[in-house]
């Protein structure tokens, strides 16, 4: 019996080898039966694959731009209840269109399984949306304007495309995010502006020194802010800003006042971590002794310039930007020699010595500055050094911390290439491990930043072919030489002049339909939740992840002949199934379609009936 079963196994292995698809680039043996859909791309096809990905990412950006141009009637339709609602990732059940896909990588404990769960529900009919926890009217407006983007993505990306490459998505600068295919998930905080694919598409690498005024007036509660003080307003914005930096940015925090407990930090690499020393310093600032403190704007700017002056010489001066981001009351102290002229001279003197081609970019943000004199100070300084000056956007509805300094982000985005570029490998938010992404900034018809589009790329490459992709992606990175406008004001179409009411001159995200107040609510744009509500596990898990059978009991000792019989039966039945699977694999592989019609047939797509596999391409 044992010899007969061995002959059967050998015969089945031979059938297995016969079923392997003919190719000079053989799939690794261990993946022939159990591999899930993946594109096997060789050097001859890499360039075509990248070309088609580039076209897809650009088309999403173009569609978002077109929708933005049609904002007014779209907003009116939403207000009247005539628009198509946008479905969120959480709180919805009962859609029969979901497909159970496999080989994802969730944390242990998901779906009640002690092992890492691998299956999730996806919708190929529509994209699902996310919002940060700080939901704003601007985010609802963006959802309304971009609501047709979901249907557009479902037409542009087939299931085979997704299984072979990855998600395609759009993130608005308002914080609204839409990805396709739709994936149900828990209601967690997600802000696309804080993700590497968005940050590196919309900003060059930079050194940022944040200068924070800690005069007594910063700690007086404001009735216009429901009792919050100016320091709390700035604190929210700066903390969010630190989360939006690129992983290769450098950041430092400087405070200034007449008190003795000011805080200075040296520049530190962000490395994509929220737990930076700068954030820790911000959270632990000792503000208890600020009750009688005064401040001098010139002193703060000098301290910020000293941090930059002490930094190592950059090796990429054609790419790097230096930014002085100042939050101030605009007060200059004549006692300390502080005036507009001496402050301007300090900045110009630094720019004459720095190796960074553009010099330091100066953004002066007033913090609810009401005095025309103090506001005039920051305006004159900004104008003289080709910088920028406005009050932070702190009025109207729920204030978006990042939107309150929108012009800072808008200017940096204008320095980036408008074509899709590669983002260095990073950890996927959707628990897929490390991914590589192509992304690009998206601008409206006036050239202002509205968001970014992106697409994941995951292909199976032979080791000898990875260089082919790397050679292409090295020429498409987000670290590229940029052209420099002579002044921030010119790039942003901002003029400086006398402002009688500084509180009317606030920064912020531009209105989608200027001059028209729509004030959409969540129910105007977000699909209603379906009942009954279920757990997060049921929302995103399926198949074996929902109900794993108990492991079979171990065979009892002393039943040798019976145990041998069981093994033979399992091998025989399993071998028959394997043989059938091998023959099916052979015919599927011979009849499969390529990922895109323009990619040669050597770039094969494996059977779509098997679970999804994601194999990254290595560091690029």
Foldseek 3Di string as FASTA:
>chain_A
DVVVLVVLLVVLVVLLVVLFADDPDGDPPVQLQAPAWAWEDFLVFLVVVVVVQLVVQVVLLVLLQVLLVVLPVLLVCLLVLNADFAAAQEQADDDPQWDKFFQFFADQCFLNHNHTGTIWIWHLQWWHKAAAPLQWLVLLSSLSSCVCSGNVVSVVADPSLCLHFHKWWWAWPNQMIIIPGYFHFDRHGDGPLLDQQFLLQQFFAEEEEEEEELAQQQCAFDVQQVGHGLLVLLLVLVLVVLSNHHQQHWYWYWYWWPDDQTDTDAIDGSNNDSPDVRNVCSVPRDNVPRNHIGGAVLVRLLSSLVSVVPDDADPCLLGYAYEYHYEDLQDHDVVVVGALVVSLVSQVVSQVPHPRPLGYAYEYEYRQRWDLVSQVSVLSSCVSQLYYYAHFPDDDTRDDSNQSPQLVSFLRSVQWDQGWAKGWWDQDPSRRGIWIKIKHFRAHPVSTTTTMIMTTGFHDYDPVRLVSNVVVRVVRHSRDRGDDDNHSCVVVVHDGDRDNGRVVGGGGDDDSDPPDDSSDDSVSHHDDRDDDHDDSSVSIRDDCSNPPDDDDDDDDPPPVVVVVVVVSVCSVVVSVVSSVSSNVQSVCQVPFDASDNPRDSSRGIGDNVHHRDGHHSPTD
